[in-house]
Amino acid sequence: MNQFKTLTINDFELLKKYFTLYPQISCDYNISNLLTWGSYYKVQYAIIEDRLFFYNPQFSLLFFPIGKYFHISELCKIYHTFLTQNPNLELVLIPNSFISRNKDINEYCQLIPNLEWSDYVYLSENLVNMKGKKLAKKKNLISQFQRLYPNHSIEKISSSHKDEVLAFAEKWRENKNQIDVVAEFNALKKTFDLWGQIESEGLILRVDGHIAAFSIFSPQNQTMLTEHFEKFDFEIKGAAQMIVYEVAKYAQKNGYILLNREQDMDLEGLRQAKRSYEPLFLVEFFRIAKSLTDSKFVLAQ
């Protein structure tokens, strides 16, 4: 669209400015994600009336703007303007807080459930202590891993780990069949290309010197850490649970009360895995679709 330009690493300080003024809890508004996944999807941005908009041209998605909230009528007016340029455009990632502030929103739209955009957020402390009956099995798997591999080690990821981590991820990718697996691998490569320029950090779990699991994450806001990539060796019992535990320890040690483990991408297995860790809450969003009778909008959760 005419007003938008491609997002690059040169826009890091602009992103940092807006997200510091207007902290976000959605992984879609994480700076590292915008500059890595966003590079693959060629995400664009524009500043309109002091609000920061993002646009995904591949899927015709306009993100809810970052900045002081518009009234729903103002937001719809801007959306209508963009529809003249892209008739398939959808306005997405509308937060519950916006809806609650616009009491007359039902005059403009209808609500329809749609939960695949939800982020899973956990208390870091809960994933460290693993208290309670529901987390007992995971705690036992961690204990078994520690007994089976007493010489395991944890190390921080640096740019020098690029080839080793990508080789491990490539092997993992060959054994999985999921949505956006190519996009994910490209985002991982881009993360290493930008290592040191963005705020991503990571941990490697090793067994006998080899990678058993790894995780890459970055700050979401002052109290939340967001995990972007997490892979483990299926043949090493407890490796999956151990890397979650180590990331939670890292988060807690560095003052992050909350850990965002991102979305389930509407994959049933991933959904069950994320729910099994007892999330504190899900970050739920809505979208506006233009296809409604009487010139109104559909607002889909």
C-alpha atoms as a PDB file:
ATOM      1  CA  MET A   1       0.000   0.000   0.000  1.00  0.00           C
ATOM      2  CA  ASN A   2       1.221   3.461  -0.850  1.00  0.00           C
ATOM      3  CA  GLN A   3       1.927   4.800   2.662  1.00  0.00           C
ATOM      4  CA  PHE A   4       3.924   1.757   3.769  1.00  0.00           C
ATOM      5  CA  LYS A   5       7.608   0.898   3.471  1.00  0.00           C
ATOM      6  CA  THR A   6       9.466  -2.332   4.162  1.00  0.00           C
ATOM      7  CA  LEU A   7      10.582  -2.920   7.739  1.00  0.00           C
ATOM      8  CA  THR A   8      14.339  -3.451   8.204  1.00  0.00           C
ATOM      9  CA  ILE A   9      16.925  -3.553  10.988  1.00  0.00           C
ATOM     10  CA  ASN A  10      17.416   0.183  10.409  1.00  0.00           C
ATOM     11  CA  ASP A  11      13.987   0.673  12.000  1.00  0.00           C
ATOM     12  CA  PHE A  12      14.978  -0.987  15.285  1.00  0.00           C
ATOM     13  CA  GLU A  13      15.110   2.276  17.248  1.00  0.00           C
ATOM     14  CA  LEU A  14      11.704   3.330  15.931  1.00  0.00           C
ATOM     15  CA  LEU A  15      10.215   0.026  17.065  1.00  0.00           C
ATOM     16  CA  LYS A  16      11.951   0.308  20.417  1.00  0.00           C
ATOM     17  CA  LYS A  17      10.537   3.810  20.921  1.00  0.00           C
ATOM     18  CA  TYR A  18       6.925   2.796  20.256  1.00  0.00           C
ATOM     19  CA  PHE A  19       7.039  -0.447  22.233  1.00  0.00           C
ATOM     20  CA  THR A  20       8.644   1.306  25.194  1.00  0.00           C
ATOM     21  CA  LEU A  21       5.888   3.931  25.203  1.00  0.00           C
ATOM     22  CA  TYR A  22       3.177   1.351  24.509  1.00  0.00           C
ATOM     23  CA  PRO A  23       4.271  -2.055  25.926  1.00  0.00           C
ATOM     24  CA  GLN A  24       2.701  -5.062  24.209  1.00  0.00           C
ATOM     25  CA  ILE A  25       2.058  -8.624  25.328  1.00  0.00           C
ATOM     26  CA  SER A  26       1.445 -10.245  21.938  1.00  0.00           C
ATOM     27  CA  CYS A  27       4.331 -12.068  20.264  1.00  0.00           C
ATOM     28  CA  ASP A  28       3.234 -10.538  16.955  1.00  0.00           C
ATOM     29  CA  TYR A  29       4.375  -7.196  18.395  1.00  0.00           C
ATOM     30  CA  ASN A  30       7.754  -8.480  19.529  1.00  0.00           C
ATOM     31  CA  ILE A  31      10.647  -6.583  17.927  1.00  0.00           C
ATOM     32  CA  SER A  32      12.695  -9.707  17.217  1.00  0.00           C
ATOM     33  CA  ASN A  33       9.710 -11.397  15.573  1.00  0.00           C
ATOM     34  CA  LEU A  34       8.931  -8.349  13.454  1.00  0.00           C
ATOM     35  CA  LEU A  35      12.497  -8.213  12.149  1.00  0.00           C
ATOM     36  CA  THR A  36      12.948 -11.962  11.567  1.00  0.00           C
ATOM     37  CA  TRP A  37       9.586 -13.488  10.672  1.00  0.00           C
ATOM     38  CA  GLY A  38       8.729 -10.065   9.297  1.00  0.00           C
ATOM     39  CA  SER A  39      11.691 -10.249   6.927  1.00  0.00           C
ATOM     40  CA  TYR A  40      10.352 -13.497   5.450  1.00  0.00           C
ATOM     41  CA  TYR A  41       6.829 -12.099   5.057  1.00  0.00           C
ATOM     42  CA  LYS A  42       8.150  -8.700   3.890  1.00  0.00           C
ATOM     43  CA  VAL A  43       6.223  -6.859   6.597  1.00  0.00           C
ATOM     44  CA  GLN A  44       5.834  -3.118   6.024  1.00  0.00           C
ATOM     45  CA  TYR A  45       5.067  -0.224   8.329  1.00  0.00           C
ATOM     46  CA  ALA A  46       3.684   3.311   8.319  1.00  0.00           C
ATOM     47  CA  ILE A  47       3.114   6.018  10.909  1.00  0.00           C
ATOM     48  CA  ILE A  48      -0.375   7.477  10.599  1.00  0.00           C
ATOM     49  CA  GLU A  49      -1.646  10.092  13.046  1.00  0.00           C
ATOM     50  CA  ASP A  50       1.225   9.206  15.404  1.00  0.00           C
ATOM     51  CA  ARG A  51       0.220   5.513  15.438  1.00  0.00           C
ATOM     52  CA  LEU A  52       2.467   2.738  14.160  1.00  0.00           C
ATOM     53  CA  PHE A  53       0.785   0.378  11.690  1.00  0.00           C
ATOM     54  CA  PHE A  54       2.178  -2.880  10.306  1.00  0.00           C
ATOM     55  CA  TYR A  55       1.070  -4.505   7.068  1.00  0.00           C
ATOM     56  CA  ASN A  56       1.669  -8.088   5.921  1.00  0.00           C
ATOM     57  CA  PRO A  57       1.270  -7.973   2.111  1.00  0.00           C
ATOM     58  CA  GLN A  58       1.500 -11.741   1.679  1.00  0.00           C
ATOM     59  CA  PHE A  59      -1.694 -12.368   3.654  1.00  0.00           C
ATOM     60  CA  SER A  60      -3.279  -8.908   3.297  1.00  0.00           C
ATOM     61  CA  LEU A  61      -3.223  -8.273   7.044  1.00  0.00           C
ATOM     62  CA  LEU A  62      -3.229  -4.841   8.679  1.00  0.00           C
ATOM     63  CA  PHE A  63      -2.153  -4.999  12.334  1.00  0.00           C
ATOM     64  CA  PHE A  64      -3.992  -3.041  14.994  1.00  0.00           C
ATOM     65  CA  PRO A  65      -1.954   0.176  15.420  1.00  0.00           C
ATOM     66  CA  ILE A  66       0.482   0.844  18.240  1.00  0.00           C
ATOM     67  CA  GLY A  67      -0.188   4.123  20.017  1.00  0.00           C
ATOM     68  CA  LYS A  68      -3.053   5.973  21.646  1.00  0.00           C
ATOM     69  CA  TYR A  69      -6.323   4.187  20.923  1.00  0.00           C
ATOM     70  CA  PHE A  70      -8.572   5.494  18.168  1.00  0.00           C
ATOM     71  CA  HIS A  71     -12.325   5.338  18.606  1.00  0.00           C
ATOM     72  CA  ILE A  72     -13.764   2.393  16.681  1.00  0.00           C
ATOM     73  CA  SER A  73     -15.323   4.795  14.150  1.00  0.00           C
ATOM     74  CA  GLU A  74     -11.927   6.419  13.487  1.00  0.00           C
ATOM     75  CA  LEU A  75     -10.227   3.065  13.147  1.00  0.00           C
ATOM     76  CA  CYS A  76     -12.853   1.835  10.697  1.00  0.00           C
ATOM     77  CA  LYS A  77     -12.484   5.013   8.645  1.00  0.00           C
ATOM     78  CA  ILE A  78      -8.750   4.409   8.259  1.00  0.00           C
ATOM     79  CA  TYR A  79      -9.414   0.765   7.463  1.00  0.00           C
ATOM     80  CA  HIS A  80     -11.902   1.787   4.752  1.00  0.00           C
ATOM     81  CA  THR A  81      -9.239   4.013   3.188  1.00  0.00           C
ATOM     82  CA  PHE A  82      -6.838   1.079   2.946  1.00  0.00           C
ATOM     83  CA  LEU A  83      -9.564  -1.154   1.523  1.00  0.00           C
ATOM     84  CA  THR A  84      -9.644   1.040  -1.567  1.00  0.00           C
ATOM     85  CA  GLN A  85      -6.029   0.002  -2.139  1.00  0.00           C
ATOM     86  CA  ASN A  86      -6.443  -3.657  -1.132  1.00  0.00           C
ATOM     87  CA  PRO A  87     -10.028  -5.013  -1.178  1.00  0.00           C
ATOM     88  CA  ASN A  88      -8.915  -8.226   0.583  1.00  0.00           C
ATOM     89  CA  LEU A  89      -7.381  -6.439   3.565  1.00  0.00           C
ATOM     90  CA  GLU A  90      -8.238  -7.628   7.105  1.00  0.00           C
ATOM     91  CA  LEU A  91      -7.586  -5.660  10.275  1.00  0.00           C
ATOM     92  CA  VAL A  92      -6.196  -8.062  12.893  1.00  0.00           C
ATOM     93  CA  LEU A  93      -4.823  -8.271  16.446  1.00  0.00           C
ATOM     94  CA  ILE A  94      -7.479  -6.074  18.041  1.00  0.00           C
ATOM     95  CA  PRO A  95      -7.057  -6.408  21.829  1.00  0.00           C
ATOM     96  CA  ASN A  96      -9.769  -6.940  24.408  1.00  0.00           C
ATOM     97  CA  SER A  97      -8.785  -3.663  26.066  1.00  0.00           C
ATOM     98  CA  PHE A  98      -9.734  -1.753  22.915  1.00  0.00           C
ATOM     99  CA  ILE A  99     -13.098  -3.478  22.760  1.00  0.00           C
ATOM    100  CA  SER A 100     -13.838  -2.766  26.416  1.00  0.00           C
ATOM    101  CA  ARG A 101     -13.080   0.937  25.895  1.00  0.00           C
ATOM    102  CA  ASN A 102     -15.414   1.165  22.913  1.00  0.00           C
ATOM    103  CA  LYS A 103     -18.775   0.386  24.469  1.00  0.00           C
ATOM    104  CA  ASP A 104     -20.565   1.141  21.206  1.00  0.00           C
ATOM    105  CA  ILE A 105     -18.459  -1.315  19.235  1.00  0.00           C
ATOM    106  CA  ASN A 106     -21.476  -3.541  18.503  1.00  0.00           C
ATOM    107  CA  GLU A 107     -22.841  -0.746  16.368  1.00  0.00           C
ATOM    108  CA  TYR A 108     -19.935  -1.382  14.018  1.00  0.00           C
ATOM    109  CA  CYS A 109     -19.322  -5.116  14.209  1.00  0.00           C
ATOM    110  CA  GLN A 110     -20.277  -8.565  15.468  1.00  0.00           C
ATOM    111  CA  LEU A 111     -18.151 -10.935  17.527  1.00  0.00           C
ATOM    112  CA  ILE A 112     -17.170 -14.380  16.236  1.00  0.00           C
ATOM    113  CA  PRO A 113     -14.843 -16.790  18.139  1.00  0.00           C
ATOM    114  CA  ASN A 114     -11.428 -17.449  16.563  1.00  0.00           C
ATOM    115  CA  LEU A 115      -8.672 -18.461  18.993  1.00  0.00           C
ATOM    116  CA  GLU A 116      -5.712 -19.560  16.849  1.00  0.00           C
ATOM    117  CA  TRP A 117      -4.040 -16.152  17.351  1.00  0.00           C
ATOM    118  CA  SER A 118      -3.847 -16.582  21.128  1.00  0.00           C
ATOM    119  CA  ASP A 119      -0.472 -16.482  22.904  1.00  0.00           C
ATOM    120  CA  TYR A 120       0.146 -18.779  25.878  1.00  0.00           C
ATOM    121  CA  VAL A 121       1.519 -16.920  28.892  1.00  0.00           C
ATOM    122  CA  TYR A 122       2.916 -18.612  32.022  1.00  0.00           C
ATOM    123  CA  LEU A 123       4.254 -17.562  35.382  1.00  0.00           C
ATOM    124  CA  SER A 124       8.004 -18.175  35.202  1.00  0.00           C
ATOM    125  CA  GLU A 125       7.948 -19.272  38.839  1.00  0.00           C
ATOM    126  CA  ASN A 126       5.399 -21.999  38.078  1.00  0.00           C
ATOM    127  CA  LEU A 127       7.553 -23.482  35.310  1.00  0.00           C
ATOM    128  CA  VAL A 128      10.561 -23.509  37.627  1.00  0.00           C
ATOM    129  CA  ASN A 129       8.859 -25.093  40.631  1.00  0.00           C
ATOM    130  CA  MET A 130       6.442 -27.339  38.685  1.00  0.00           C
ATOM    131  CA  LYS A 131       4.133 -27.554  41.683  1.00  0.00           C
ATOM    132  CA  GLY A 132       0.779 -29.311  41.593  1.00  0.00           C
ATOM    133  CA  LYS A 133      -0.664 -32.546  40.338  1.00  0.00           C
ATOM    134  CA  LYS A 134      -1.025 -31.401  36.714  1.00  0.00           C
ATOM    135  CA  LEU A 135       2.695 -30.612  36.373  1.00  0.00           C
ATOM    136  CA  ALA A 136       3.917 -33.633  38.356  1.00  0.00           C
ATOM    137  CA  LYS A 137       4.611 -35.720  35.240  1.00  0.00           C
ATOM    138  CA  LYS A 138       6.778 -32.998  33.729  1.00  0.00           C
ATOM    139  CA  LYS A 139       8.657 -32.568  36.988  1.00  0.00           C
ATOM    140  CA  ASN A 140       9.308 -36.319  37.029  1.00  0.00           C
ATOM    141  CA  LEU A 141      10.612 -36.215  33.450  1.00  0.00           C
ATOM    142  CA  ILE A 142      13.011 -33.423  34.416  1.00  0.00           C
ATOM    143  CA  SER A 143      14.237 -35.504  37.364  1.00  0.00           C
ATOM    144  CA  GLN A 144      14.693 -38.538  35.117  1.00  0.00           C
ATOM    145  CA  PHE A 145      16.666 -36.453  32.615  1.00  0.00           C
ATOM    146  CA  GLN A 146      18.940 -35.164  35.387  1.00  0.00           C
ATOM    147  CA  ARG A 147      19.559 -38.731  36.618  1.00  0.00           C
ATOM    148  CA  LEU A 148      20.117 -40.192  33.146  1.00  0.00           C
ATOM    149  CA  TYR A 149      22.420 -37.376  32.027  1.00  0.00           C
ATOM    150  CA  PRO A 150      24.251 -36.088  35.110  1.00  0.00           C
ATOM    151  CA  ASN A 151      26.903 -34.454  32.923  1.00  0.00           C
ATOM    152  CA  HIS A 152      24.440 -32.412  30.855  1.00  0.00           C
ATOM    153  CA  SER A 153      25.237 -28.731  30.448  1.00  0.00           C
ATOM    154  CA  ILE A 154      23.556 -25.428  29.625  1.00  0.00           C
ATOM    155  CA  GLU A 155      25.257 -22.687  27.666  1.00  0.00           C
ATOM    156  CA  LYS A 156      24.179 -19.326  26.273  1.00  0.00           C
ATOM    157  CA  ILE A 157      23.802 -19.090  22.518  1.00  0.00           C
ATOM    158  CA  SER A 158      26.044 -16.732  20.577  1.00  0.00           C
ATOM    159  CA  SER A 159      26.429 -16.013  16.869  1.00  0.00           C
ATOM    160  CA  SER A 160      29.177 -18.656  16.755  1.00  0.00           C
ATOM    161  CA  HIS A 161      26.524 -21.347  17.328  1.00  0.00           C
ATOM    162  CA  LYS A 162      24.707 -20.524  14.075  1.00  0.00           C
ATOM    163  CA  ASP A 163      25.766 -23.516  11.975  1.00  0.00           C
ATOM    164  CA  GLU A 164      25.344 -26.026  14.792  1.00  0.00           C
ATOM    165  CA  VAL A 165      21.886 -24.765  15.781  1.00  0.00           C
ATOM    166  CA  LEU A 166      20.685 -24.561  12.178  1.00  0.00           C
ATOM    167  CA  ALA A 167      21.899 -28.119  11.519  1.00  0.00           C
ATOM    168  CA  PHE A 168      19.964 -29.327  14.573  1.00  0.00           C
ATOM    169  CA  ALA A 169      16.871 -27.388  13.475  1.00  0.00           C
ATOM    170  CA  GLU A 170      17.152 -28.784   9.950  1.00  0.00           C
ATOM    171  CA  LYS A 171      17.151 -32.326  11.314  1.00  0.00           C
ATOM    172  CA  TRP A 172      14.117 -31.471  13.466  1.00  0.00           C
ATOM    173  CA  ARG A 173      12.350 -29.945  10.471  1.00  0.00           C
ATOM    174  CA  GLU A 174      12.788 -33.088   8.381  1.00  0.00           C
ATOM    175  CA  ASN A 175      10.838 -35.061  10.981  1.00  0.00           C
ATOM    176  CA  LYS A 176       7.946 -32.608  11.349  1.00  0.00           C
ATOM    177  CA  ASN A 177       5.020 -31.639   9.186  1.00  0.00           C
ATOM    178  CA  GLN A 178       3.494 -28.381  10.319  1.00  0.00           C
ATOM    179  CA  ILE A 179       2.228 -25.035   9.098  1.00  0.00           C
ATOM    180  CA  ASP A 180       4.914 -22.491   8.180  1.00  0.00           C
ATOM    181  CA  VAL A 181       7.847 -24.810   8.874  1.00  0.00           C
ATOM    182  CA  VAL A 182       9.799 -23.215   5.997  1.00  0.00           C
ATOM    183  CA  ALA A 183       8.975 -19.730   7.286  1.00  0.00           C
ATOM    184  CA  GLU A 184      10.090 -20.737  10.778  1.00  0.00           C
ATOM    185  CA  PHE A 185      13.432 -22.038   9.539  1.00  0.00           C
ATOM    186  CA  ASN A 186      14.037 -18.861   7.546  1.00  0.00           C
ATOM    187  CA  ALA A 187      13.121 -16.755  10.578  1.00  0.00           C
ATOM    188  CA  LEU A 188      15.642 -18.737  12.632  1.00  0.00           C
ATOM    189  CA  LYS A 189      18.362 -18.080  10.038  1.00  0.00           C
ATOM    190  CA  LYS A 190      17.476 -14.391   9.999  1.00  0.00           C
ATOM    191  CA  THR A 191      17.695 -14.314  13.804  1.00  0.00           C
ATOM    192  CA  PHE A 192      21.330 -15.410  13.597  1.00  0.00           C
ATOM    193  CA  ASP A 193      22.014 -12.979  10.761  1.00  0.00           C
ATOM    194  CA  LEU A 194      20.847 -10.175  13.070  1.00  0.00           C
ATOM    195  CA  TRP A 195      22.387 -11.586  16.254  1.00  0.00           C
ATOM    196  CA  GLY A 196      23.741  -8.744  18.356  1.00  0.00           C
ATOM    197  CA  GLN A 197      21.615  -6.177  16.507  1.00  0.00           C
ATOM    198  CA  ILE A 198      18.328  -7.388  17.981  1.00  0.00           C
ATOM    199  CA  GLU A 199      17.675  -8.428  21.578  1.00  0.00           C
ATOM    200  CA  SER A 200      17.402 -12.182  21.034  1.00  0.00           C
ATOM    201  CA  GLU A 201      19.255 -14.517  23.378  1.00  0.00           C
ATOM    202  CA  GLY A 202      19.155 -18.257  23.808  1.00  0.00           C
ATOM    203  CA  LEU A 203      20.160 -21.426  25.622  1.00  0.00           C
ATOM    204  CA  ILE A 204      21.548 -24.751  24.437  1.00  0.00           C
ATOM    205  CA  LEU A 205      21.020 -27.918  26.445  1.00  0.00           C
ATOM    206  CA  ARG A 206      23.821 -30.408  25.760  1.00  0.00           C
ATOM    207  CA  VAL A 207      24.181 -34.115  26.408  1.00  0.00           C
ATOM    208  CA  ASP A 208      27.620 -35.642  25.781  1.00  0.00           C
ATOM    209  CA  GLY A 209      28.605 -32.450  24.011  1.00  0.00           C
ATOM    210  CA  HIS A 210      25.752 -32.610  21.492  1.00  0.00           C
ATOM    211  CA  ILE A 211      22.636 -30.418  21.332  1.00  0.00           C
ATOM    212  CA  ALA A 212      19.718 -32.069  23.078  1.00  0.00           C
ATOM    213  CA  ALA A 213      17.531 -28.961  22.883  1.00  0.00           C
ATOM    214  CA  PHE A 214      17.728 -25.231  22.338  1.00  0.00           C
ATOM    215  CA  SER A 215      15.575 -22.161  22.881  1.00  0.00           C
ATOM    216  CA  ILE A 216      15.784 -18.590  21.566  1.00  0.00           C
ATOM    217  CA  PHE A 217      13.892 -15.752  23.232  1.00  0.00           C
ATOM    218  CA  SER A 218      13.836 -11.980  23.714  1.00  0.00           C
ATOM    219  CA  PRO A 219      12.230  -9.348  25.966  1.00  0.00           C
ATOM    220  CA  GLN A 220       8.587  -8.598  25.240  1.00  0.00           C
ATOM    221  CA  ASN A 221       8.354  -5.863  27.856  1.00  0.00           C
ATOM    222  CA  GLN A 222       9.863  -5.192  31.278  1.00  0.00           C
ATOM    223  CA  THR A 223       8.118  -8.141  32.952  1.00  0.00           C
ATOM    224  CA  MET A 224       7.639 -10.629  30.090  1.00  0.00           C
ATOM    225  CA  LEU A 225      10.068 -12.768  28.111  1.00  0.00           C
ATOM    226  CA  THR A 226       8.885 -14.240  24.796  1.00  0.00           C
ATOM    227  CA  GLU A 227      10.211 -17.543  23.492  1.00  0.00           C
ATOM    228  CA  HIS A 228      10.492 -17.658  19.690  1.00  0.00           C
ATOM    229  CA  PHE A 229      12.103 -21.021  18.952  1.00  0.00           C
ATOM    230  CA  GLU A 230      12.239 -24.220  20.962  1.00  0.00           C
ATOM    231  CA  LYS A 231      13.499 -27.538  19.536  1.00  0.00           C
ATOM    232  CA  PHE A 232      14.542 -30.774  21.210  1.00  0.00           C
ATOM    233  CA  ASP A 233      15.832 -34.249  20.391  1.00  0.00           C
ATOM    234  CA  PHE A 234      12.863 -36.609  20.437  1.00  0.00           C
ATOM    235  CA  GLU A 235      15.124 -39.529  21.356  1.00  0.00           C
ATOM    236  CA  ILE A 236      16.376 -37.943  24.584  1.00  0.00           C
ATOM    237  CA  LYS A 237      13.791 -38.493  27.279  1.00  0.00           C
ATOM    238  CA  GLY A 238      13.052 -35.354  29.247  1.00  0.00           C
ATOM    239  CA  ALA A 239      14.924 -32.976  26.912  1.00  0.00           C
ATOM    240  CA  ALA A 240      11.706 -31.148  25.972  1.00  0.00           C
ATOM    241  CA  GLN A 241      10.731 -30.573  29.599  1.00  0.00           C
ATOM    242  CA  MET A 242      14.285 -29.693  30.623  1.00  0.00           C
ATOM    243  CA  ILE A 243      14.633 -26.841  28.128  1.00  0.00           C
ATOM    244  CA  VAL A 244      11.318 -25.349  29.277  1.00  0.00           C
ATOM    245  CA  TYR A 245      12.564 -25.522  32.851  1.00  0.00           C
ATOM    246  CA  GLU A 246      15.896 -23.879  31.982  1.00  0.00           C
ATOM    247  CA  VAL A 247      14.246 -21.046  30.038  1.00  0.00           C
ATOM    248  CA  ALA A 248      11.881 -20.412  32.942  1.00  0.00           C
ATOM    249  CA  LYS A 249      14.872 -20.292  35.317  1.00  0.00           C
ATOM    250  CA  TYR A 250      16.589 -17.804  33.027  1.00  0.00           C
ATOM    251  CA  ALA A 251      13.439 -15.666  32.888  1.00  0.00           C
ATOM    252  CA  GLN A 252      12.995 -15.694  36.661  1.00  0.00           C
ATOM    253  CA  LYS A 253      16.666 -14.933  37.307  1.00  0.00           C
ATOM    254  CA  ASN A 254      16.520 -11.926  34.961  1.00  0.00           C
ATOM    255  CA  GLY A 255      13.378 -10.434  36.462  1.00  0.00           C
ATOM    256  CA  TYR A 256      10.799 -11.638  33.943  1.00  0.00           C
ATOM    257  CA  ILE A 257       7.708 -12.642  35.885  1.00  0.00           C
ATOM    258  CA  LEU A 258       5.927 -13.912  32.782  1.00  0.00           C
ATOM    259  CA  LEU A 259       6.979 -16.195  29.939  1.00  0.00           C
ATOM    260  CA  ASN A 260       5.143 -15.969  26.616  1.00  0.00           C
ATOM    261  CA  ARG A 261       5.514 -19.226  24.695  1.00  0.00           C
ATOM    262  CA  GLU A 262       3.667 -17.863  21.668  1.00  0.00           C
ATOM    263  CA  GLN A 263       0.833 -19.466  19.693  1.00  0.00           C
ATOM    264  CA  ASP A 264      -0.210 -23.006  18.807  1.00  0.00           C
ATOM    265  CA  MET A 265      -0.691 -22.202  15.077  1.00  0.00           C
ATOM    266  CA  ASP A 266      -3.957 -24.159  15.245  1.00  0.00           C
ATOM    267  CA  LEU A 267      -1.991 -27.423  15.515  1.00  0.00           C
ATOM    268  CA  GLU A 268      -3.693 -29.834  17.876  1.00  0.00           C
ATOM    269  CA  GLY A 269      -0.482 -31.450  19.147  1.00  0.00           C
ATOM    270  CA  LEU A 270       1.142 -28.109  19.843  1.00  0.00           C
ATOM    271  CA  ARG A 271      -2.044 -26.849  21.483  1.00  0.00           C
ATOM    272  CA  GLN A 272      -2.128 -29.825  23.854  1.00  0.00           C
ATOM    273  CA  ALA A 273       1.561 -29.389  24.683  1.00  0.00           C
ATOM    274  CA  LYS A 274       1.178 -25.709  25.530  1.00  0.00           C
ATOM    275  CA  ARG A 275      -1.967 -26.263  27.574  1.00  0.00           C
ATOM    276  CA  SER A 276      -0.302 -29.067  29.511  1.00  0.00           C
ATOM    277  CA  TYR A 277       2.029 -26.539  31.158  1.00  0.00           C
ATOM    278  CA  GLU A 278      -0.911 -24.755  32.782  1.00  0.00           C
ATOM    279  CA  PRO A 279      -0.802 -21.252  31.233  1.00  0.00           C
ATOM    280  CA  LEU A 280      -1.681 -18.343  33.498  1.00  0.00           C
ATOM    281  CA  PHE A 281      -3.730 -16.813  30.681  1.00  0.00           C
ATOM    282  CA  LEU A 282      -4.109 -16.654  26.912  1.00  0.00           C
ATOM    283  CA  VAL A 283      -3.595 -13.398  25.029  1.00  0.00           C
ATOM    284  CA  GLU A 284      -6.777 -13.234  22.972  1.00  0.00           C
ATOM    285  CA  PHE A 285      -7.291 -10.972  19.989  1.00  0.00           C
ATOM    286  CA  PHE A 286      -9.962 -10.156  17.438  1.00  0.00           C
ATOM    287  CA  ARG A 287      -9.980  -9.215  13.793  1.00  0.00           C
ATOM    288  CA  ILE A 288     -12.236  -7.088  11.638  1.00  0.00           C
ATOM    289  CA  ALA A 289     -13.257  -8.588   8.314  1.00  0.00           C
ATOM    290  CA  LYS A 290     -14.917  -6.403   5.709  1.00  0.00           C
ATOM    291  CA  SER A 291     -17.427  -9.068   4.615  1.00  0.00           C
ATOM    292  CA  LEU A 292     -20.617  -8.101   6.446  1.00  0.00           C
ATOM    293  CA  THR A 293     -24.007  -6.994   5.197  1.00  0.00           C
ATOM    294  CA  ASP A 294     -25.342  -3.475   5.766  1.00  0.00           C
ATOM    295  CA  SER A 295     -21.787  -2.041   5.401  1.00  0.00           C
ATOM    296  CA  LYS A 296     -20.842  -3.194   8.889  1.00  0.00           C
ATOM    297  CA  PHE A 297     -17.847  -5.258   9.994  1.00  0.00           C
ATOM    298  CA  VAL A 298     -17.357  -8.731  11.345  1.00  0.00           C
ATOM    299  CA  LEU A 299     -15.172  -8.725  14.450  1.00  0.00           C
ATOM    300  CA  ALA A 300     -13.748 -12.201  14.848  1.00  0.00           C
ATOM    301  CA  GLN A 301     -12.017 -13.385  18.007  1.00  0.00           C
END
